[in-house]
Amino acid sequence: MRCIIAGYPFDLTASEVEHAMSGTKPESVTGVSVQIGRRAYPVMQVGAVITRQDRRDFTAFEVTRAMKRLGFTCNPAPSPATPDPLSVNSLGSTVRSPW
């Protein structure tokens, strides 16, 4: 399937993406991720591997759109951790324990 990433056309197939990512260890996911096989990869890492371009040259949206078109499952960025309600005062500030 023809995909445009960073203004350049790429002819990609799902099997080519799986093969390219097979020997790659996933980085920690802090943003949007794509499920390839049993592993979740950050979309920016996948984009860098399959296009061989610098991550600053493309956006997560471009790679996510291409991965969805190829049939991969993309997951949104994980939500930030919520603070413990017992450690937050009425003004929303974190309270330090005296112990």
N, C-alpha and C. Protein backbone atom coordinates (compact mmCIF):
# COMPACT_ATOMS: atom_id res chain seq x y z
N MET A 1 0.85 -1.17 0.00
CA MET A 1 0.00 0.00 0.00
C MET A 1 0.90 1.24 0.00
N ARG A 2 0.53 2.20 -0.77
CA ARG A 2 1.31 3.43 -0.87
C ARG A 2 0.92 4.36 0.27
N CYS A 3 1.91 4.81 1.04
CA CYS A 3 1.71 5.72 2.16
C CYS A 3 2.64 6.91 2.00
N ILE A 4 2.16 8.07 2.37
CA ILE A 4 2.98 9.27 2.34
C ILE A 4 3.37 9.61 3.77
N ILE A 5 4.68 9.59 4.03
CA ILE A 5 5.20 9.94 5.35
C ILE A 5 6.30 10.96 5.13
N ALA A 6 6.19 12.10 5.78
CA ALA A 6 7.16 13.19 5.66
C ALA A 6 7.29 13.67 4.22
N GLY A 7 6.19 13.58 3.48
CA GLY A 7 6.20 14.05 2.10
C GLY A 7 6.79 13.08 1.10
N TYR A 8 7.22 11.91 1.55
CA TYR A 8 7.82 10.91 0.66
C TYR A 8 6.89 9.71 0.54
N PRO A 9 6.73 9.17 -0.66
CA PRO A 9 5.88 7.98 -0.82
C PRO A 9 6.64 6.71 -0.43
N PHE A 10 5.94 5.83 0.26
CA PHE A 10 6.49 4.52 0.65
C PHE A 10 5.48 3.45 0.27
N ASP A 11 5.97 2.39 -0.36
CA ASP A 11 5.13 1.24 -0.66
C ASP A 11 5.36 0.23 0.46
N LEU A 12 4.40 0.13 1.38
CA LEU A 12 4.54 -0.73 2.55
C LEU A 12 3.49 -1.83 2.56
N THR A 13 3.86 -2.96 3.12
CA THR A 13 2.91 -4.03 3.40
C THR A 13 3.03 -4.36 4.87
N ALA A 14 2.00 -4.97 5.42
CA ALA A 14 2.01 -5.33 6.84
C ALA A 14 3.15 -6.30 7.13
N SER A 15 3.40 -7.23 6.25
CA SER A 15 4.47 -8.22 6.49
C SER A 15 5.85 -7.55 6.47
N GLU A 16 6.05 -6.53 5.63
CA GLU A 16 7.32 -5.81 5.61
C GLU A 16 7.54 -5.05 6.92
N VAL A 17 6.48 -4.46 7.44
CA VAL A 17 6.59 -3.74 8.71
C VAL A 17 6.90 -4.73 9.83
N GLU A 18 6.21 -5.85 9.86
CA GLU A 18 6.46 -6.87 10.88
C GLU A 18 7.89 -7.38 10.80
N HIS A 19 8.38 -7.60 9.60
CA HIS A 19 9.75 -8.08 9.42
C HIS A 19 10.76 -7.03 9.87
N ALA A 20 10.53 -5.77 9.54
CA ALA A 20 11.45 -4.70 9.93
C ALA A 20 11.50 -4.53 11.44
N MET A 21 10.38 -4.74 12.12
CA MET A 21 10.33 -4.53 13.57
C MET A 21 10.65 -5.80 14.35
N SER A 22 10.81 -6.94 13.68
CA SER A 22 11.00 -8.21 14.39
C SER A 22 12.26 -8.24 15.26
N GLY A 23 13.32 -7.63 14.83
CA GLY A 23 14.55 -7.66 15.62
C GLY A 23 14.76 -6.41 16.45
N THR A 24 13.74 -5.58 16.57
CA THR A 24 13.85 -4.31 17.26
C THR A 24 13.20 -4.39 18.63
N LYS A 25 13.93 -3.99 19.66
CA LYS A 25 13.38 -3.97 21.01
C LYS A 25 12.52 -2.72 21.17
N PRO A 26 11.29 -2.86 21.67
CA PRO A 26 10.42 -1.69 21.83
C PRO A 26 10.96 -0.72 22.89
N GLU A 27 10.87 0.56 22.58
CA GLU A 27 11.19 1.58 23.57
C GLU A 27 9.99 1.73 24.49
N SER A 28 10.16 2.43 25.60
CA SER A 28 9.02 2.63 26.50
C SER A 28 7.98 3.51 25.81
N VAL A 29 6.73 3.19 26.00
CA VAL A 29 5.63 3.89 25.35
C VAL A 29 5.21 5.07 26.21
N THR A 30 5.36 6.27 25.67
CA THR A 30 4.92 7.47 26.37
C THR A 30 3.87 8.22 25.56
N GLY A 31 3.73 7.86 24.30
CA GLY A 31 2.74 8.51 23.42
C GLY A 31 1.91 7.45 22.73
N VAL A 32 1.51 7.74 21.52
CA VAL A 32 0.71 6.81 20.73
C VAL A 32 1.55 5.58 20.41
N SER A 33 0.93 4.40 20.47
CA SER A 33 1.67 3.16 20.20
C SER A 33 0.93 2.33 19.15
N VAL A 34 1.67 1.42 18.55
CA VAL A 34 1.11 0.51 17.56
C VAL A 34 1.46 -0.92 17.97
N GLN A 35 0.48 -1.80 17.88
CA GLN A 35 0.65 -3.20 18.25
C GLN A 35 1.13 -3.97 17.03
N ILE A 36 2.36 -4.49 17.10
CA ILE A 36 2.92 -5.29 16.02
C ILE A 36 3.29 -6.63 16.62
N GLY A 37 2.57 -7.65 16.21
CA GLY A 37 2.74 -8.96 16.85
C GLY A 37 2.23 -8.88 18.28
N ARG A 38 3.07 -9.32 19.21
CA ARG A 38 2.68 -9.26 20.63
C ARG A 38 3.25 -8.05 21.34
N ARG A 39 3.93 -7.18 20.62
CA ARG A 39 4.61 -6.05 21.24
C ARG A 39 3.95 -4.72 20.86
N ALA A 40 4.04 -3.76 21.78
CA ALA A 40 3.56 -2.41 21.53
C ALA A 40 4.78 -1.51 21.33
N TYR A 41 4.85 -0.86 20.19
CA TYR A 41 5.95 0.04 19.85
C TYR A 41 5.44 1.48 19.79
N PRO A 42 6.25 2.44 20.22
CA PRO A 42 5.87 3.84 19.97
C PRO A 42 5.83 4.08 18.46
N VAL A 43 4.84 4.82 17.99
CA VAL A 43 4.72 5.02 16.54
C VAL A 43 5.92 5.76 15.97
N MET A 44 6.53 6.62 16.74
CA MET A 44 7.70 7.34 16.24
C MET A 44 8.87 6.39 16.01
N GLN A 45 9.01 5.37 16.87
CA GLN A 45 10.07 4.38 16.67
C GLN A 45 9.79 3.57 15.41
N VAL A 46 8.56 3.17 15.21
CA VAL A 46 8.19 2.41 14.01
C VAL A 46 8.45 3.25 12.77
N GLY A 47 8.05 4.52 12.81
CA GLY A 47 8.28 5.40 11.67
C GLY A 47 9.74 5.55 11.33
N ALA A 48 10.59 5.68 12.36
CA ALA A 48 12.03 5.82 12.12
C ALA A 48 12.61 4.56 11.50
N VAL A 49 12.14 3.40 11.94
CA VAL A 49 12.68 2.14 11.43
C VAL A 49 12.23 1.90 9.98
N ILE A 50 10.95 2.09 9.71
CA ILE A 50 10.46 1.74 8.37
C ILE A 50 10.81 2.78 7.30
N THR A 51 10.99 4.05 7.71
CA THR A 51 11.32 5.07 6.71
C THR A 51 12.81 5.39 6.67
N ARG A 52 13.54 5.01 7.71
CA ARG A 52 14.96 5.34 7.85
C ARG A 52 15.19 6.85 7.82
N GLN A 53 14.22 7.58 8.35
CA GLN A 53 14.32 9.03 8.45
C GLN A 53 14.44 9.43 9.92
N ASP A 54 14.90 10.63 10.14
CA ASP A 54 14.98 11.18 11.49
C ASP A 54 13.55 11.40 12.00
N ARG A 55 13.35 11.18 13.29
CA ARG A 55 12.02 11.31 13.87
C ARG A 55 11.47 12.73 13.78
N ARG A 56 12.33 13.70 13.61
CA ARG A 56 11.88 15.09 13.49
C ARG A 56 11.28 15.37 12.11
N ASP A 57 11.45 14.45 11.16
CA ASP A 57 10.99 14.67 9.79
C ASP A 57 9.53 14.28 9.57
N PHE A 58 8.90 13.57 10.50
CA PHE A 58 7.52 13.14 10.32
C PHE A 58 6.77 13.28 11.64
N THR A 59 5.46 13.13 11.56
CA THR A 59 4.63 13.25 12.77
C THR A 59 4.08 11.88 13.16
N ALA A 60 3.66 11.78 14.42
CA ALA A 60 3.04 10.55 14.90
C ALA A 60 1.74 10.29 14.15
N PHE A 61 1.04 11.35 13.78
CA PHE A 61 -0.22 11.19 13.04
C PHE A 61 0.00 10.51 11.69
N GLU A 62 1.05 10.90 10.98
CA GLU A 62 1.33 10.31 9.67
C GLU A 62 1.58 8.80 9.79
N VAL A 63 2.38 8.42 10.78
CA VAL A 63 2.70 7.01 10.96
C VAL A 63 1.48 6.25 11.45
N THR A 64 0.72 6.84 12.37
CA THR A 64 -0.49 6.19 12.89
C THR A 64 -1.47 5.93 11.76
N ARG A 65 -1.67 6.91 10.90
CA ARG A 65 -2.58 6.75 9.77
C ARG A 65 -2.12 5.62 8.85
N ALA A 66 -0.82 5.56 8.58
CA ALA A 66 -0.29 4.50 7.72
C ALA A 66 -0.45 3.13 8.37
N MET A 67 -0.17 3.03 9.67
CA MET A 67 -0.28 1.74 10.36
C MET A 67 -1.72 1.26 10.41
N LYS A 68 -2.66 2.18 10.63
CA LYS A 68 -4.07 1.79 10.64
C LYS A 68 -4.51 1.30 9.27
N ARG A 69 -4.05 1.97 8.21
CA ARG A 69 -4.40 1.54 6.86
C ARG A 69 -3.84 0.17 6.54
N LEU A 70 -2.71 -0.19 7.17
CA LEU A 70 -2.11 -1.51 6.96
C LEU A 70 -2.76 -2.58 7.84
N GLY A 71 -3.67 -2.17 8.73
CA GLY A 71 -4.39 -3.13 9.56
C GLY A 71 -3.86 -3.33 10.96
N PHE A 72 -2.91 -2.51 11.38
CA PHE A 72 -2.38 -2.63 12.73
C PHE A 72 -3.27 -1.87 13.71
N THR A 73 -3.26 -2.32 14.96
CA THR A 73 -4.01 -1.65 16.01
C THR A 73 -3.15 -0.57 16.63
N CYS A 74 -3.67 0.65 16.66
CA CYS A 74 -2.96 1.77 17.27
C CYS A 74 -3.69 2.17 18.55
N ASN A 75 -2.93 2.45 19.59
CA ASN A 75 -3.48 2.81 20.88
C ASN A 75 -3.12 4.24 21.22
N PRO A 76 -4.04 4.99 21.86
CA PRO A 76 -3.74 6.37 22.23
C PRO A 76 -2.67 6.44 23.32
N ALA A 77 -2.18 7.63 23.54
CA ALA A 77 -1.17 7.84 24.58
C ALA A 77 -1.74 7.48 25.93
N PRO A 78 -0.93 6.86 26.80
CA PRO A 78 -1.43 6.54 28.14
C PRO A 78 -1.74 7.82 28.90
N SER A 79 -2.80 7.78 29.70
CA SER A 79 -3.17 8.97 30.46
C SER A 79 -2.20 9.15 31.62
N PRO A 80 -1.95 10.39 32.01
CA PRO A 80 -1.02 10.63 33.12
C PRO A 80 -1.59 10.06 34.42
N ALA A 81 -0.70 9.65 35.28
CA ALA A 81 -1.12 9.07 36.56
C ALA A 81 -1.83 10.12 37.40
N THR A 82 -2.91 9.71 38.03
CA THR A 82 -3.62 10.64 38.91
C THR A 82 -3.04 10.54 40.31
N PRO A 83 -2.91 11.65 41.01
CA PRO A 83 -2.35 11.61 42.35
C PRO A 83 -3.32 10.96 43.33
N ASP A 84 -2.78 10.44 44.39
CA ASP A 84 -3.57 9.85 45.46
C ASP A 84 -4.45 10.93 46.08
N PRO A 85 -5.79 10.75 46.15
CA PRO A 85 -6.65 11.81 46.67
C PRO A 85 -6.38 12.16 48.13
N LEU A 86 -5.78 11.25 48.88
CA LEU A 86 -5.47 11.54 50.28
C LEU A 86 -4.24 12.43 50.43
N SER A 87 -3.45 12.56 49.38
CA SER A 87 -2.23 13.36 49.48
C SER A 87 -2.38 14.73 48.81
N VAL A 88 -3.61 15.10 48.43
CA VAL A 88 -3.85 16.40 47.79
C VAL A 88 -4.78 17.21 48.68
N ASN A 89 -4.40 18.46 48.99
CA ASN A 89 -5.24 19.30 49.83
C ASN A 89 -6.34 19.96 49.01
N SER A 90 -7.17 20.79 49.64
CA SER A 90 -8.31 21.40 48.97
C SER A 90 -7.92 22.37 47.87
N LEU A 91 -6.68 22.85 47.86
CA LEU A 91 -6.22 23.78 46.83
C LEU A 91 -5.59 23.05 45.64
N GLY A 92 -5.52 21.72 45.72
CA GLY A 92 -4.95 20.95 44.63
C GLY A 92 -3.46 20.75 44.75
N SER A 93 -2.86 21.19 45.84
CA SER A 93 -1.42 21.03 46.04
C SER A 93 -1.15 19.70 46.72
N THR A 94 -0.02 19.13 46.38
CA THR A 94 0.38 17.88 47.01
C THR A 94 0.87 18.17 48.42
N VAL A 95 0.42 17.37 49.36
CA VAL A 95 0.77 17.55 50.77
C VAL A 95 1.83 16.53 51.12
N ARG A 96 2.89 16.99 51.75
CA ARG A 96 3.94 16.08 52.19
C ARG A 96 3.56 15.46 53.53
N SER A 97 3.84 14.21 53.65
CA SER A 97 3.57 13.52 54.91
C SER A 97 4.63 13.88 55.94
N PRO A 98 4.25 14.15 57.19
CA PRO A 98 5.24 14.50 58.21
C PRO A 98 6.04 13.29 58.68
N TRP A 99 5.68 12.09 58.25
CA TRP A 99 6.37 10.89 58.70
C TRP A 99 7.45 10.52 57.79
